[in-house]
């Protein structure tokens, strides 16, 4: 008689990536700088009066391009890290590079698939434990996006900003920068080791 474990369907895996492991350092630096700039700019507008401030009028024309640039660079970094993880640890990634990026734009799926992708990437570098930073970042991101939407609907943003928005936004930004830095450090070391081995 087959055991209960043997009756479970096999865990889905993304197709392996056979390309080279590329150091994501440059994308990481750009993503961290853009996240920091966007966070500081939003704080400056909030502390000077929100939508009533003169700074808000100056920030509006650059806010959308800054946000788009931040998202694009972060997703490029995220995709590169997933491809590296597929190459370094074949069979450990549950999602393809396309889904890892696309899931961020799919309602409901955006609340859990990117977290699982990040955990897979993290574990490909260090299989044993230590996922608290990913979990903390994801909790902060959910608090920012979901909590921010609730605050907007409840009218808790009389001038476009609230203390909740700013505090959670800073926490989420700091944790995102730490996640980017830690994953990049691991993958950069792997890329350098692979390059040395090919020489």
C-alpha atoms as a PDB file:
ATOM      1  CA  UNK A   1       0.000   0.000   0.000  1.00  0.00           C
ATOM      2  CA  UNK A   2       1.360   3.398  -0.992  1.00  0.00           C
ATOM      3  CA  UNK A   3       2.086   5.910   1.733  1.00  0.00           C
ATOM      4  CA  UNK A   4       0.164   9.174   1.987  1.00  0.00           C
ATOM      5  CA  UNK A   5       3.264  11.129   0.934  1.00  0.00           C
ATOM      6  CA  UNK A   6       3.620   9.108  -2.284  1.00  0.00           C
ATOM      7  CA  UNK A   7       0.016   9.898  -3.268  1.00  0.00           C
ATOM      8  CA  UNK A   8       0.600  13.640  -3.263  1.00  0.00           C
ATOM      9  CA  UNK A   9       1.006  15.204  -6.710  1.00  0.00           C
ATOM     10  CA  UNK A  10       4.554  16.288  -7.578  1.00  0.00           C
ATOM     11  CA  UNK A  11       5.396  19.895  -6.779  1.00  0.00           C
ATOM     12  CA  UNK A  12       5.350  22.078  -9.885  1.00  0.00           C
ATOM     13  CA  UNK A  13       8.707  23.436 -10.983  1.00  0.00           C
ATOM     14  CA  UNK A  14       9.729  26.102 -13.475  1.00  0.00           C
ATOM     15  CA  UNK A  15      11.745  25.040 -16.496  1.00  0.00           C
ATOM     16  CA  UNK A  16      15.491  25.184 -15.757  1.00  0.00           C
ATOM     17  CA  UNK A  17      17.508  28.148 -16.968  1.00  0.00           C
ATOM     18  CA  UNK A  18      20.824  27.225 -18.565  1.00  0.00           C
ATOM     19  CA  UNK A  19      22.210  30.710 -19.062  1.00  0.00           C
ATOM     20  CA  UNK A  20      25.031  32.238 -17.056  1.00  0.00           C
ATOM     21  CA  UNK A  21      24.680  33.498 -13.489  1.00  0.00           C
ATOM     22  CA  UNK A  22      24.850  37.290 -13.785  1.00  0.00           C
ATOM     23  CA  UNK A  23      25.746  39.539 -10.877  1.00  0.00           C
ATOM     24  CA  UNK A  24      22.584  41.627 -10.230  1.00  0.00           C
ATOM     25  CA  UNK A  25      24.612  44.306  -8.439  1.00  0.00           C
ATOM     26  CA  UNK A  26      23.958  47.217 -10.819  1.00  0.00           C
ATOM     27  CA  UNK A  27      20.223  46.593 -10.928  1.00  0.00           C
ATOM     28  CA  UNK A  28      20.243  46.257  -7.142  1.00  0.00           C
ATOM     29  CA  UNK A  29      21.953  49.619  -6.637  1.00  0.00           C
ATOM     30  CA  UNK A  30      19.543  51.328  -9.043  1.00  0.00           C
ATOM     31  CA  UNK A  31      16.514  49.740  -7.352  1.00  0.00           C
ATOM     32  CA  UNK A  32      17.694  50.721  -3.871  1.00  0.00           C
ATOM     33  CA  UNK A  33      18.395  54.317  -4.921  1.00  0.00           C
ATOM     34  CA  UNK A  34      15.010  54.681  -6.619  1.00  0.00           C
ATOM     35  CA  UNK A  35      13.141  53.210  -3.634  1.00  0.00           C
ATOM     36  CA  UNK A  36      14.989  55.570  -1.282  1.00  0.00           C
ATOM     37  CA  UNK A  37      14.387  58.632  -3.484  1.00  0.00           C
ATOM     38  CA  UNK A  38      10.695  57.869  -3.861  1.00  0.00           C
ATOM     39  CA  UNK A  39      10.271  57.316  -0.116  1.00  0.00           C
ATOM     40  CA  UNK A  40      12.119  60.510   0.835  1.00  0.00           C
ATOM     41  CA  UNK A  41      10.150  62.534  -1.725  1.00  0.00           C
ATOM     42  CA  UNK A  42       6.837  61.267  -0.367  1.00  0.00           C
ATOM     43  CA  UNK A  43       7.913  62.015   3.193  1.00  0.00           C
ATOM     44  CA  UNK A  44       8.950  65.537   2.219  1.00  0.00           C
ATOM     45  CA  UNK A  45       5.572  66.211   0.604  1.00  0.00           C
ATOM     46  CA  UNK A  46       3.692  64.757   3.584  1.00  0.00           C
ATOM     47  CA  UNK A  47       5.634  66.795   6.154  1.00  0.00           C
ATOM     48  CA  UNK A  48       5.176  70.031   4.223  1.00  0.00           C
ATOM     49  CA  UNK A  49       1.385  69.805   4.110  1.00  0.00           C
ATOM     50  CA  UNK A  50       0.484  67.052   1.665  1.00  0.00           C
ATOM     51  CA  UNK A  51      -1.624  68.175  -1.282  1.00  0.00           C
ATOM     52  CA  UNK A  52      -1.698  71.725   0.160  1.00  0.00           C
ATOM     53  CA  UNK A  53       2.058  72.209  -0.041  1.00  0.00           C
ATOM     54  CA  UNK A  54       3.989  73.973  -2.801  1.00  0.00           C
ATOM     55  CA  UNK A  55       6.293  70.978  -2.947  1.00  0.00           C
ATOM     56  CA  UNK A  56       3.351  68.780  -3.940  1.00  0.00           C
ATOM     57  CA  UNK A  57       2.845  70.781  -7.134  1.00  0.00           C
ATOM     58  CA  UNK A  58       6.512  70.290  -7.994  1.00  0.00           C
ATOM     59  CA  UNK A  59       6.423  66.590  -7.142  1.00  0.00           C
ATOM     60  CA  UNK A  60       3.334  65.689  -9.182  1.00  0.00           C
ATOM     61  CA  UNK A  61       5.010  65.874 -12.652  1.00  0.00           C
ATOM     62  CA  UNK A  62       7.830  63.531 -11.591  1.00  0.00           C
ATOM     63  CA  UNK A  63       5.858  61.207  -9.303  1.00  0.00           C
ATOM     64  CA  UNK A  64       4.551  58.904 -12.037  1.00  0.00           C
ATOM     65  CA  UNK A  65       7.863  58.597 -13.968  1.00  0.00           C
ATOM     66  CA  UNK A  66       9.670  57.981 -10.653  1.00  0.00           C
ATOM     67  CA  UNK A  67       7.199  55.292  -9.630  1.00  0.00           C
ATOM     68  CA  UNK A  68       7.345  53.596 -13.053  1.00  0.00           C
ATOM     69  CA  UNK A  69      11.158  53.651 -13.030  1.00  0.00           C
ATOM     70  CA  UNK A  70      11.223  52.159  -9.520  1.00  0.00           C
ATOM     71  CA  UNK A  71       8.831  49.358 -10.446  1.00  0.00           C
ATOM     72  CA  UNK A  72      10.589  48.528 -13.734  1.00  0.00           C
ATOM     73  CA  UNK A  73      14.083  48.425 -12.219  1.00  0.00           C
ATOM     74  CA  UNK A  74      12.937  46.403  -9.203  1.00  0.00           C
ATOM     75  CA  UNK A  75      11.179  43.858 -11.439  1.00  0.00           C
ATOM     76  CA  UNK A  76      14.253  43.588 -13.688  1.00  0.00           C
ATOM     77  CA  UNK A  77      16.310  42.871 -10.574  1.00  0.00           C
ATOM     78  CA  UNK A  78      13.716  40.372  -9.309  1.00  0.00           C
ATOM     79  CA  UNK A  79      13.652  38.524 -12.653  1.00  0.00           C
ATOM     80  CA  UNK A  80      17.445  38.379 -12.872  1.00  0.00           C
ATOM     81  CA  UNK A  81      17.663  36.934  -9.351  1.00  0.00           C
ATOM     82  CA  UNK A  82      15.094  34.262 -10.238  1.00  0.00           C
ATOM     83  CA  UNK A  83      17.038  33.264 -13.369  1.00  0.00           C
ATOM     84  CA  UNK A  84      20.228  33.087 -11.311  1.00  0.00           C
ATOM     85  CA  UNK A  85      18.482  30.892  -8.741  1.00  0.00           C
ATOM     86  CA  UNK A  86      17.213  28.557 -11.483  1.00  0.00           C
ATOM     87  CA  UNK A  87      20.756  28.205 -12.778  1.00  0.00           C
ATOM     88  CA  UNK A  88      22.459  27.753  -9.393  1.00  0.00           C
ATOM     89  CA  UNK A  89      19.839  25.416  -7.903  1.00  0.00           C
ATOM     90  CA  UNK A  90      17.875  23.714 -10.725  1.00  0.00           C
ATOM     91  CA  UNK A  91      14.459  22.416  -9.712  1.00  0.00           C
ATOM     92  CA  UNK A  92      14.053  24.700  -6.707  1.00  0.00           C
ATOM     93  CA  UNK A  93      11.981  27.429  -8.366  1.00  0.00           C
ATOM     94  CA  UNK A  94       8.216  26.993  -8.582  1.00  0.00           C
ATOM     95  CA  UNK A  95       7.535  29.883 -10.958  1.00  0.00           C
ATOM     96  CA  UNK A  96       8.852  30.999 -14.319  1.00  0.00           C
ATOM     97  CA  UNK A  97      10.562  34.353 -14.787  1.00  0.00           C
ATOM     98  CA  UNK A  98       7.524  35.642 -16.682  1.00  0.00           C
ATOM     99  CA  UNK A  99       5.111  34.718 -13.904  1.00  0.00           C
ATOM    100  CA  UNK A 100       7.465  36.100 -11.272  1.00  0.00           C
ATOM    101  CA  UNK A 101       7.072  39.508 -12.935  1.00  0.00           C
ATOM    102  CA  UNK A 102       3.479  39.200 -14.150  1.00  0.00           C
ATOM    103  CA  UNK A 103       2.088  38.043 -10.800  1.00  0.00           C
ATOM    104  CA  UNK A 104       2.697  41.512  -9.352  1.00  0.00           C
ATOM    105  CA  UNK A 105      -0.059  42.824 -11.651  1.00  0.00           C
ATOM    106  CA  UNK A 106      -2.650  40.065 -11.143  1.00  0.00           C
ATOM    107  CA  UNK A 107      -5.322  40.822  -8.514  1.00  0.00           C
ATOM    108  CA  UNK A 108      -5.215  38.490  -5.476  1.00  0.00           C
ATOM    109  CA  UNK A 109      -2.206  36.575  -6.884  1.00  0.00           C
ATOM    110  CA  UNK A 110      -0.104  39.687  -6.263  1.00  0.00           C
ATOM    111  CA  UNK A 111      -0.655  39.197  -2.536  1.00  0.00           C
ATOM    112  CA  UNK A 112       1.070  35.807  -2.310  1.00  0.00           C
ATOM    113  CA  UNK A 113       2.903  34.618  -5.478  1.00  0.00           C
ATOM    114  CA  UNK A 114       5.725  37.234  -5.371  1.00  0.00           C
ATOM    115  CA  UNK A 115       6.385  36.292  -1.732  1.00  0.00           C
ATOM    116  CA  UNK A 116       6.760  32.635  -2.710  1.00  0.00           C
ATOM    117  CA  UNK A 117       9.082  33.599  -5.570  1.00  0.00           C
ATOM    118  CA  UNK A 118      11.221  35.641  -3.182  1.00  0.00           C
ATOM    119  CA  UNK A 119      11.370  32.739  -0.718  1.00  0.00           C
ATOM    120  CA  UNK A 120      12.430  30.341  -3.489  1.00  0.00           C
ATOM    121  CA  UNK A 121      15.171  32.742  -4.587  1.00  0.00           C
ATOM    122  CA  UNK A 122      16.343  33.150  -0.991  1.00  0.00           C
ATOM    123  CA  UNK A 123      16.420  29.408  -0.325  1.00  0.00           C
ATOM    124  CA  UNK A 124      18.335  28.719  -3.535  1.00  0.00           C
ATOM    125  CA  UNK A 125      21.229  30.665  -2.013  1.00  0.00           C
ATOM    126  CA  UNK A 126      20.905  29.278   1.515  1.00  0.00           C
ATOM    127  CA  UNK A 127      18.544  26.294   1.758  1.00  0.00           C
ATOM    128  CA  UNK A 128      18.319  26.243   5.557  1.00  0.00           C
ATOM    129  CA  UNK A 129      15.927  28.681   7.303  1.00  0.00           C
ATOM    130  CA  UNK A 130      16.569  32.372   7.816  1.00  0.00           C
ATOM    131  CA  UNK A 131      13.532  33.655   5.916  1.00  0.00           C
ATOM    132  CA  UNK A 132      12.443  36.205   8.549  1.00  0.00           C
ATOM    133  CA  UNK A 133      13.623  39.165   6.452  1.00  0.00           C
ATOM    134  CA  UNK A 134      11.512  38.097   3.456  1.00  0.00           C
ATOM    135  CA  UNK A 135       8.475  37.564   5.697  1.00  0.00           C
ATOM    136  CA  UNK A 136       8.922  40.944   7.425  1.00  0.00           C
ATOM    137  CA  UNK A 137       9.287  42.745   4.085  1.00  0.00           C
ATOM    138  CA  UNK A 138       6.195  41.046   2.707  1.00  0.00           C
ATOM    139  CA  UNK A 139       4.111  41.832   5.804  1.00  0.00           C
ATOM    140  CA  UNK A 140       5.152  45.496   5.537  1.00  0.00           C
ATOM    141  CA  UNK A 141       4.336  45.577   1.819  1.00  0.00           C
ATOM    142  CA  UNK A 142       0.869  44.144   2.479  1.00  0.00           C
ATOM    143  CA  UNK A 143       0.338  46.618   5.303  1.00  0.00           C
ATOM    144  CA  UNK A 144       1.264  49.436   2.944  1.00  0.00           C
ATOM    145  CA  UNK A 145      -0.829  48.376  -0.063  1.00  0.00           C
ATOM    146  CA  UNK A 146      -3.879  46.869   1.617  1.00  0.00           C
ATOM    147  CA  UNK A 147      -3.850  49.183   4.631  1.00  0.00           C
ATOM    148  CA  UNK A 148      -3.298  52.208   2.422  1.00  0.00           C
ATOM    149  CA  UNK A 149      -6.306  51.290   0.270  1.00  0.00           C
ATOM    150  CA  UNK A 150      -8.489  50.931   3.366  1.00  0.00           C
ATOM    151  CA  UNK A 151      -7.268  54.299   4.694  1.00  0.00           C
ATOM    152  CA  UNK A 152      -8.067  55.971   1.376  1.00  0.00           C
ATOM    153  CA  UNK A 153     -11.621  54.600   1.341  1.00  0.00           C
ATOM    154  CA  UNK A 154     -12.258  55.546   4.968  1.00  0.00           C
ATOM    155  CA  UNK A 155     -11.285  59.164   4.332  1.00  0.00           C
ATOM    156  CA  UNK A 156      -8.296  58.985   6.686  1.00  0.00           C
ATOM    157  CA  UNK A 157      -6.174  61.015   4.232  1.00  0.00           C
ATOM    158  CA  UNK A 158      -7.549  64.560   4.392  1.00  0.00           C
ATOM    159  CA  UNK A 159      -4.601  65.944   2.431  1.00  0.00           C
ATOM    160  CA  UNK A 160      -3.535  62.851   0.520  1.00  0.00           C
ATOM    161  CA  UNK A 161      -1.229  61.520   3.249  1.00  0.00           C
ATOM    162  CA  UNK A 162      -1.518  60.037   6.722  1.00  0.00           C
ATOM    163  CA  UNK A 163       0.840  59.096   9.550  1.00  0.00           C
ATOM    164  CA  UNK A 164       0.001  55.439   8.856  1.00  0.00           C
ATOM    165  CA  UNK A 165       0.997  55.783   5.181  1.00  0.00           C
ATOM    166  CA  UNK A 166       4.322  57.373   5.997  1.00  0.00           C
ATOM    167  CA  UNK A 167       5.344  55.068   8.849  1.00  0.00           C
ATOM    168  CA  UNK A 168       4.428  51.871   7.002  1.00  0.00           C
ATOM    169  CA  UNK A 169       5.913  53.234   3.784  1.00  0.00           C
ATOM    170  CA  UNK A 170       9.273  53.862   5.428  1.00  0.00           C
ATOM    171  CA  UNK A 171       9.309  50.434   7.095  1.00  0.00           C
ATOM    172  CA  UNK A 172       8.421  48.711   3.797  1.00  0.00           C
ATOM    173  CA  UNK A 173      11.075  50.690   1.908  1.00  0.00           C
ATOM    174  CA  UNK A 174      13.823  49.930   4.441  1.00  0.00           C
ATOM    175  CA  UNK A 175      12.968  46.222   4.448  1.00  0.00           C
ATOM    176  CA  UNK A 176      12.831  46.138   0.630  1.00  0.00           C
ATOM    177  CA  UNK A 177      16.297  47.693   0.445  1.00  0.00           C
ATOM    178  CA  UNK A 178      17.608  45.137   2.954  1.00  0.00           C
ATOM    179  CA  UNK A 179      16.089  42.246   0.987  1.00  0.00           C
ATOM    180  CA  UNK A 180      17.613  43.530  -2.250  1.00  0.00           C
ATOM    181  CA  UNK A 181      20.995  43.943  -0.591  1.00  0.00           C
ATOM    182  CA  UNK A 182      21.055  40.512   1.073  1.00  0.00           C
ATOM    183  CA  UNK A 183      19.927  38.565  -1.998  1.00  0.00           C
ATOM    184  CA  UNK A 184      22.320  40.506  -4.225  1.00  0.00           C
ATOM    185  CA  UNK A 185      25.252  39.834  -1.903  1.00  0.00           C
ATOM    186  CA  UNK A 186      24.564  36.111  -2.052  1.00  0.00           C
ATOM    187  CA  UNK A 187      24.094  36.000  -5.803  1.00  0.00           C
ATOM    188  CA  UNK A 188      27.046  38.296  -6.476  1.00  0.00           C
ATOM    189  CA  UNK A 189      29.315  35.956  -4.562  1.00  0.00           C
ATOM    190  CA  UNK A 190      27.947  33.039  -6.563  1.00  0.00           C
ATOM    191  CA  UNK A 191      28.497  34.831  -9.864  1.00  0.00           C
ATOM    192  CA  UNK A 192      32.086  35.686  -8.959  1.00  0.00           C
ATOM    193  CA  UNK A 193      32.779  32.101  -7.884  1.00  0.00           C
ATOM    194  CA  UNK A 194      31.357  30.794 -11.165  1.00  0.00           C
ATOM    195  CA  UNK A 195      33.468  33.223 -13.192  1.00  0.00           C
ATOM    196  CA  UNK A 196      36.596  32.200 -11.280  1.00  0.00           C
ATOM    197  CA  UNK A 197      35.826  28.531 -11.913  1.00  0.00           C
ATOM    198  CA  UNK A 198      35.574  29.107 -15.693  1.00  0.00           C
ATOM    199  CA  UNK A 199      39.002  30.781 -15.885  1.00  0.00           C
END
